[in-house]
Amino acid sequence: MTTTLRSFFSVFGLGALGMAGCSSSSPGSGSASLSGSVSNTTFSVASTLAVFDVANASETCTGQSDGGSQCTSSSSGQAVGVLLTNRSEATCSAVGHNLSLSNFDVVQLVVTNNNGNVATGTYAIAPPQGSPTRAEASFTTEDASCAQKINTTATGGSITLTQISGTNVSGSYSVTFGAEGSFQGTFDVPACATPDAGLAADGGTTTCQ
């Protein structure tokens, strides 16, 4: 399976990207560190991206007398996502296209608050049942043909957010993937303002680069 760069923001529901931030296309405009290994794989961070989105979005439609329908959208909460990748081509501008990157390694970190905005603090990967806040992490790799090799989700650890602004997210993380290994590090990442570009599933053409 080939995964577009943009679709990584949809893994944990980061799709509409409700809050605009920096739209810089220059690699290295943020900074991050990564140590450890998962599934005998590690990498050096070459690009960093962050996005803000609503945590919950829904649409309710009712039928009209003329045969049409009227739909009402609602949203609540906030999600903050961070990507750490090994490819400098993974930029904010690239997210808006149906682009897949070959030999691609990416760690995704997401903190969600279902009841309001995400605040600074430390968030557990496995929060108590019923908690409105949660942290999630994943590690994905793709081969030279943009085919997925590793796709695993963290089972423990935490994500710490020390700064959250409309244009920047910073903090640290220590996440474990069961017997597969763990990653630790820090991040100071500019946020992307991502256009709602169509994915390949909507008729677009995916490019492996």
C-alpha atoms as a PDB file:
ATOM      1  CA  MET A   1       0.000   0.000   0.000  1.00  0.00           C
ATOM      2  CA  THR A   2       1.274   3.462  -0.968  1.00  0.00           C
ATOM      3  CA  THR A   3       0.608   6.302   1.477  1.00  0.00           C
ATOM      4  CA  THR A   4       0.591   9.964   0.434  1.00  0.00           C
ATOM      5  CA  LEU A   5       2.359  12.475   2.639  1.00  0.00           C
ATOM      6  CA  ARG A   6      -0.924  14.310   3.219  1.00  0.00           C
ATOM      7  CA  SER A   7      -2.694  11.145   4.378  1.00  0.00           C
ATOM      8  CA  PHE A   8      -0.352  10.873   7.371  1.00  0.00           C
ATOM      9  CA  PHE A   9      -2.320  13.780   8.823  1.00  0.00           C
ATOM     10  CA  SER A  10      -5.510  11.691   8.571  1.00  0.00           C
ATOM     11  CA  VAL A  11      -4.244   8.652  10.492  1.00  0.00           C
ATOM     12  CA  PHE A  12      -5.517  10.039  13.782  1.00  0.00           C
ATOM     13  CA  GLY A  13      -8.280  12.205  12.302  1.00  0.00           C
ATOM     14  CA  LEU A  14      -6.160  15.193  11.285  1.00  0.00           C
ATOM     15  CA  GLY A  15      -7.859  15.955   7.993  1.00  0.00           C
ATOM     16  CA  ALA A  16      -9.611  19.306   7.707  1.00  0.00           C
ATOM     17  CA  LEU A  17      -6.794  21.254   9.384  1.00  0.00           C
ATOM     18  CA  GLY A  18      -8.987  23.860  10.981  1.00  0.00           C
ATOM     19  CA  MET A  19      -6.283  26.246  12.219  1.00  0.00           C
ATOM     20  CA  ALA A  20      -3.897  27.920   9.830  1.00  0.00           C
ATOM     21  CA  GLY A  21      -0.244  28.316  10.677  1.00  0.00           C
ATOM     22  CA  CYS A  22       3.050  28.748   8.907  1.00  0.00           C
ATOM     23  CA  SER A  23       3.122  27.505   5.327  1.00  0.00           C
ATOM     24  CA  SER A  24       6.878  27.499   4.859  1.00  0.00           C
ATOM     25  CA  SER A  25       8.176  24.974   2.324  1.00  0.00           C
ATOM     26  CA  SER A  26      11.767  25.145   3.500  1.00  0.00           C
ATOM     27  CA  PRO A  27      13.183  22.030   5.206  1.00  0.00           C
ATOM     28  CA  GLY A  28      15.015  22.610   8.446  1.00  0.00           C
ATOM     29  CA  SER A  29      12.769  25.496   9.542  1.00  0.00           C
ATOM     30  CA  GLY A  30      12.062  23.409  12.658  1.00  0.00           C
ATOM     31  CA  SER A  31      14.291  21.196  14.736  1.00  0.00           C
ATOM     32  CA  ALA A  32      13.935  17.790  16.361  1.00  0.00           C
ATOM     33  CA  SER A  33      15.955  14.927  17.777  1.00  0.00           C
ATOM     34  CA  LEU A  34      15.280  11.194  17.718  1.00  0.00           C
ATOM     35  CA  SER A  35      17.051   8.314  19.427  1.00  0.00           C
ATOM     36  CA  GLY A  36      16.228   4.659  19.843  1.00  0.00           C
ATOM     37  CA  SER A  37      14.938   2.134  17.313  1.00  0.00           C
ATOM     38  CA  VAL A  38      11.712   0.324  16.437  1.00  0.00           C
ATOM     39  CA  SER A  39      11.645  -2.943  14.471  1.00  0.00           C
ATOM     40  CA  ASN A  40      15.447  -2.616  14.186  1.00  0.00           C
ATOM     41  CA  THR A  41      15.000   0.708  12.363  1.00  0.00           C
ATOM     42  CA  THR A  42      16.063   4.244  13.242  1.00  0.00           C
ATOM     43  CA  PHE A  43      16.674   7.454  11.268  1.00  0.00           C
ATOM     44  CA  SER A  44      18.021  10.991  11.401  1.00  0.00           C
ATOM     45  CA  VAL A  45      15.350  13.700  11.374  1.00  0.00           C
ATOM     46  CA  ALA A  46      15.511  15.769   8.157  1.00  0.00           C
ATOM     47  CA  SER A  47      12.133  17.548   8.291  1.00  0.00           C
ATOM     48  CA  THR A  48       9.474  18.441  10.857  1.00  0.00           C
ATOM     49  CA  LEU A  49       5.820  19.382  10.376  1.00  0.00           C
ATOM     50  CA  ALA A  50       2.953  20.259  12.714  1.00  0.00           C
ATOM     51  CA  VAL A  51      -0.792  20.763  12.246  1.00  0.00           C
ATOM     52  CA  PHE A  52      -3.806  21.822  14.315  1.00  0.00           C
ATOM     53  CA  ASP A  53      -7.290  20.419  13.766  1.00  0.00           C
ATOM     54  CA  VAL A  54     -10.617  19.894  15.506  1.00  0.00           C
ATOM     55  CA  ALA A  55     -10.848  16.730  17.599  1.00  0.00           C
ATOM     56  CA  ASN A  56     -14.452  15.883  16.708  1.00  0.00           C
ATOM     57  CA  ALA A  57     -16.301  16.766  13.533  1.00  0.00           C
ATOM     58  CA  SER A  58     -19.737  15.635  12.427  1.00  0.00           C
ATOM     59  CA  GLU A  59     -22.383  16.452   9.837  1.00  0.00           C
ATOM     60  CA  THR A  60     -26.141  15.986  10.228  1.00  0.00           C
ATOM     61  CA  CYS A  61     -28.376  16.030   7.151  1.00  0.00           C
ATOM     62  CA  THR A  62     -32.165  16.182   6.964  1.00  0.00           C
ATOM     63  CA  GLY A  63     -34.404  15.679   3.939  1.00  0.00           C
ATOM     64  CA  GLN A  64     -36.239  18.643   2.429  1.00  0.00           C
ATOM     65  CA  SER A  65     -39.647  18.815   0.757  1.00  0.00           C
ATOM     66  CA  ASP A  66     -38.032  19.531  -2.610  1.00  0.00           C
ATOM     67  CA  GLY A  67     -36.129  16.262  -2.459  1.00  0.00           C
ATOM     68  CA  GLY A  68     -32.833  17.828  -1.461  1.00  0.00           C
ATOM     69  CA  SER A  69     -31.161  17.833   1.921  1.00  0.00           C
ATOM     70  CA  GLN A  70     -29.937  20.401   4.427  1.00  0.00           C
ATOM     71  CA  CYS A  71     -26.741  19.614   6.299  1.00  0.00           C
ATOM     72  CA  THR A  72     -25.360  21.125   9.487  1.00  0.00           C
ATOM     73  CA  SER A  73     -21.717  20.686  10.508  1.00  0.00           C
ATOM     74  CA  SER A  74     -20.414  20.806  14.066  1.00  0.00           C
ATOM     75  CA  SER A  75     -16.996  20.468  15.635  1.00  0.00           C
ATOM     76  CA  SER A  76     -15.396  20.466  19.076  1.00  0.00           C
ATOM     77  CA  GLY A  77     -12.085  19.960  20.795  1.00  0.00           C
ATOM     78  CA  GLN A  78      -8.612  20.219  19.330  1.00  0.00           C
ATOM     79  CA  ALA A  79      -5.913  17.886  18.043  1.00  0.00           C
ATOM     80  CA  VAL A  80      -2.225  18.786  17.656  1.00  0.00           C
ATOM     81  CA  GLY A  81      -0.104  16.608  15.380  1.00  0.00           C
ATOM     82  CA  VAL A  82       3.660  16.512  14.766  1.00  0.00           C
ATOM     83  CA  LEU A  83       5.536  14.606  12.049  1.00  0.00           C
ATOM     84  CA  LEU A  84       9.256  13.809  12.238  1.00  0.00           C
ATOM     85  CA  THR A  85      10.643  12.410   8.967  1.00  0.00           C
ATOM     86  CA  ASN A  86      13.899  11.373   7.301  1.00  0.00           C
ATOM     87  CA  ARG A  87      13.188  13.197   4.021  1.00  0.00           C
ATOM     88  CA  SER A  88      13.834  16.919   3.565  1.00  0.00           C
ATOM     89  CA  GLU A  89      11.227  16.898   0.790  1.00  0.00           C
ATOM     90  CA  ALA A  90       8.492  16.401   3.406  1.00  0.00           C
ATOM     91  CA  THR A  91       7.514  20.074   3.647  1.00  0.00           C
ATOM     92  CA  CYS A  92       4.328  21.991   4.371  1.00  0.00           C
ATOM     93  CA  SER A  93       3.814  22.721   0.680  1.00  0.00           C
ATOM     94  CA  ALA A  94       4.296  19.056  -0.271  1.00  0.00           C
ATOM     95  CA  VAL A  95       1.468  17.998   2.060  1.00  0.00           C
ATOM     96  CA  GLY A  96      -1.023  19.719  -0.241  1.00  0.00           C
ATOM     97  CA  HIS A  97      -0.268  17.328  -3.105  1.00  0.00           C
ATOM     98  CA  ASN A  98      -0.732  13.605  -3.777  1.00  0.00           C
ATOM     99  CA  LEU A  99       2.942  12.937  -3.130  1.00  0.00           C
ATOM    100  CA  SER A 100       4.411   9.727  -1.722  1.00  0.00           C
ATOM    101  CA  LEU A 101       8.065   9.614  -0.700  1.00  0.00           C
ATOM    102  CA  SER A 102      10.279   6.597  -1.316  1.00  0.00           C
ATOM    103  CA  ASN A 103      12.544   5.221   1.428  1.00  0.00           C
ATOM    104  CA  PHE A 104      10.439   7.253   3.830  1.00  0.00           C
ATOM    105  CA  ASP A 105      10.510   6.985   7.644  1.00  0.00           C
ATOM    106  CA  VAL A 106       8.060   8.988   9.753  1.00  0.00           C
ATOM    107  CA  VAL A 107       7.146   9.233  13.424  1.00  0.00           C
ATOM    108  CA  GLN A 108       3.748  10.807  14.061  1.00  0.00           C
ATOM    109  CA  LEU A 109       2.866  12.300  17.451  1.00  0.00           C
ATOM    110  CA  VAL A 110      -0.685  13.449  18.232  1.00  0.00           C
ATOM    111  CA  VAL A 111      -2.290  14.949  21.350  1.00  0.00           C
ATOM    112  CA  THR A 112      -6.088  15.335  21.423  1.00  0.00           C
ATOM    113  CA  ASN A 113      -8.494  17.087  23.797  1.00  0.00           C
ATOM    114  CA  ASN A 114     -12.121  16.205  23.044  1.00  0.00           C
ATOM    115  CA  ASN A 115     -13.490  18.988  25.268  1.00  0.00           C
ATOM    116  CA  GLY A 116     -11.382  22.013  24.373  1.00  0.00           C
ATOM    117  CA  ASN A 117      -8.003  23.278  23.234  1.00  0.00           C
ATOM    118  CA  VAL A 118      -4.877  21.231  23.896  1.00  0.00           C
ATOM    119  CA  ALA A 119      -2.846  22.754  26.735  1.00  0.00           C
ATOM    120  CA  THR A 120       0.826  22.390  27.572  1.00  0.00           C
ATOM    121  CA  GLY A 121       1.628  19.400  29.763  1.00  0.00           C
ATOM    122  CA  THR A 122       2.487  15.698  29.638  1.00  0.00           C
ATOM    123  CA  TYR A 123       0.042  13.282  28.014  1.00  0.00           C
ATOM    124  CA  ALA A 124       0.089   9.508  28.442  1.00  0.00           C
ATOM    125  CA  ILE A 125      -0.110   7.217  25.416  1.00  0.00           C
ATOM    126  CA  ALA A 126      -2.530   4.984  27.378  1.00  0.00           C
ATOM    127  CA  PRO A 127      -4.692   7.430  29.402  1.00  0.00           C
ATOM    128  CA  PRO A 128      -7.322   6.307  31.932  1.00  0.00           C
ATOM    129  CA  GLN A 129     -10.558   5.134  30.350  1.00  0.00           C
ATOM    130  CA  GLY A 130     -12.953   8.019  29.795  1.00  0.00           C
ATOM    131  CA  SER A 131     -10.245  10.687  29.812  1.00  0.00           C
ATOM    132  CA  PRO A 132     -11.043  13.558  27.390  1.00  0.00           C
ATOM    133  CA  THR A 133      -7.351  13.888  26.517  1.00  0.00           C
ATOM    134  CA  ARG A 134      -5.068  11.332  24.933  1.00  0.00           C
ATOM    135  CA  ALA A 135      -1.720  10.991  23.194  1.00  0.00           C
ATOM    136  CA  GLU A 136      -0.982   8.694  20.278  1.00  0.00           C
ATOM    137  CA  ALA A 137       2.136   7.867  18.285  1.00  0.00           C
ATOM    138  CA  SER A 138       2.905   5.784  15.229  1.00  0.00           C
ATOM    139  CA  PHE A 139       5.953   4.766  13.195  1.00  0.00           C
ATOM    140  CA  THR A 140       5.690   4.093   9.458  1.00  0.00           C
ATOM    141  CA  THR A 141       8.294   3.307   6.808  1.00  0.00           C
ATOM    142  CA  GLU A 142       8.049   2.950   3.031  1.00  0.00           C
ATOM    143  CA  ASP A 143      10.463   1.286   0.598  1.00  0.00           C
ATOM    144  CA  ALA A 144      11.987   2.469  -2.694  1.00  0.00           C
ATOM    145  CA  SER A 145       8.663   1.878  -4.476  1.00  0.00           C
ATOM    146  CA  CYS A 146       6.676   3.819  -1.842  1.00  0.00           C
ATOM    147  CA  ALA A 147       5.194   0.542  -0.561  1.00  0.00           C
ATOM    148  CA  GLN A 148       4.583   0.405   3.165  1.00  0.00           C
ATOM    149  CA  LYS A 149       7.043  -1.726   5.170  1.00  0.00           C
ATOM    150  CA  ILE A 150       6.468  -0.891   8.845  1.00  0.00           C
ATOM    151  CA  ASN A 151       3.239   0.480  10.304  1.00  0.00           C
ATOM    152  CA  THR A 152       3.067   0.244  14.093  1.00  0.00           C
ATOM    153  CA  THR A 153       1.338   2.138  16.891  1.00  0.00           C
ATOM    154  CA  ALA A 154       2.825   3.049  20.271  1.00  0.00           C
ATOM    155  CA  THR A 155       1.625   1.059  23.272  1.00  0.00           C
ATOM    156  CA  GLY A 156       3.083   3.201  26.058  1.00  0.00           C
ATOM    157  CA  GLY A 157       5.058   6.281  27.002  1.00  0.00           C
ATOM    158  CA  SER A 158       4.102   9.936  26.826  1.00  0.00           C
ATOM    159  CA  ILE A 159       4.247  13.167  24.815  1.00  0.00           C
ATOM    160  CA  THR A 160       5.082  16.463  26.541  1.00  0.00           C
ATOM    161  CA  LEU A 161       4.050  19.798  25.020  1.00  0.00           C
ATOM    162  CA  THR A 162       5.964  22.793  26.390  1.00  0.00           C
ATOM    163  CA  GLN A 163       4.774  25.436  23.916  1.00  0.00           C
ATOM    164  CA  ILE A 164       1.697  25.663  21.671  1.00  0.00           C
ATOM    165  CA  SER A 165       1.053  28.725  19.524  1.00  0.00           C
ATOM    166  CA  GLY A 166      -0.736  29.353  16.243  1.00  0.00           C
ATOM    167  CA  THR A 167       2.534  28.913  14.388  1.00  0.00           C
ATOM    168  CA  ASN A 168       4.684  26.598  16.503  1.00  0.00           C
ATOM    169  CA  VAL A 169       4.650  23.464  18.662  1.00  0.00           C
ATOM    170  CA  SER A 170       7.528  22.359  20.899  1.00  0.00           C
ATOM    171  CA  GLY A 171       8.063  19.596  23.420  1.00  0.00           C
ATOM    172  CA  SER A 172       9.479  16.119  23.915  1.00  0.00           C
ATOM    173  CA  TYR A 173       8.425  12.505  23.644  1.00  0.00           C
ATOM    174  CA  SER A 174       9.289   9.054  24.932  1.00  0.00           C
ATOM    175  CA  VAL A 175       7.138   6.389  23.297  1.00  0.00           C
ATOM    176  CA  THR A 176       7.349   2.591  23.342  1.00  0.00           C
ATOM    177  CA  PHE A 177       6.123   0.090  20.774  1.00  0.00           C
ATOM    178  CA  GLY A 178       5.970  -3.038  22.882  1.00  0.00           C
ATOM    179  CA  ALA A 179       8.764  -5.507  22.126  1.00  0.00           C
ATOM    180  CA  GLU A 180       9.493  -3.666  18.858  1.00  0.00           C
ATOM    181  CA  GLY A 181      11.429  -0.881  20.628  1.00  0.00           C
ATOM    182  CA  SER A 182      11.105   2.794  21.510  1.00  0.00           C
ATOM    183  CA  PHE A 183      11.843   6.349  20.371  1.00  0.00           C
ATOM    184  CA  GLN A 184      12.766   9.395  22.446  1.00  0.00           C
ATOM    185  CA  GLY A 185      13.558  12.980  21.568  1.00  0.00           C
ATOM    186  CA  THR A 186      12.524  16.625  21.356  1.00  0.00           C
ATOM    187  CA  PHE A 187      10.827  18.840  18.773  1.00  0.00           C
ATOM    188  CA  ASP A 188      10.366  22.531  17.964  1.00  0.00           C
ATOM    189  CA  VAL A 189       8.150  22.566  14.889  1.00  0.00           C
ATOM    190  CA  PRO A 190       6.419  25.214  12.712  1.00  0.00           C
ATOM    191  CA  ALA A 191       2.756  24.575  11.905  1.00  0.00           C
ATOM    192  CA  CYS A 192       1.485  23.997   8.366  1.00  0.00           C
ATOM    193  CA  ALA A 193      -1.420  25.737   6.682  1.00  0.00           C
ATOM    194  CA  THR A 194      -2.462  22.887   4.408  1.00  0.00           C
ATOM    195  CA  PRO A 195      -4.861  23.287   1.461  1.00  0.00           C
ATOM    196  CA  ASP A 196      -7.690  20.776   1.177  1.00  0.00           C
ATOM    197  CA  ALA A 197      -6.148  19.009  -1.822  1.00  0.00           C
ATOM    198  CA  GLY A 198      -7.902  15.888  -3.124  1.00  0.00           C
ATOM    199  CA  LEU A 199      -6.402  12.535  -2.251  1.00  0.00           C
ATOM    200  CA  ALA A 200      -5.826   9.800  -4.787  1.00  0.00           C
ATOM    201  CA  ALA A 201      -8.999   8.094  -3.589  1.00  0.00           C
ATOM    202  CA  ASP A 202     -10.904  11.136  -4.882  1.00  0.00           C
ATOM    203  CA  GLY A 203      -9.458  10.808  -8.368  1.00  0.00           C
ATOM    204  CA  GLY A 204      -6.051  12.430  -7.921  1.00  0.00           C
ATOM    205  CA  THR A 205      -2.819  10.895  -9.186  1.00  0.00           C
ATOM    206  CA  THR A 206      -0.287   9.757  -6.600  1.00  0.00           C
ATOM    207  CA  THR A 207       3.352  10.440  -7.387  1.00  0.00           C
ATOM    208  CA  CYS A 208       6.163   8.338  -5.839  1.00  0.00           C
ATOM    209  CA  GLN A 209       9.258  10.484  -5.467  1.00  0.00           C
END
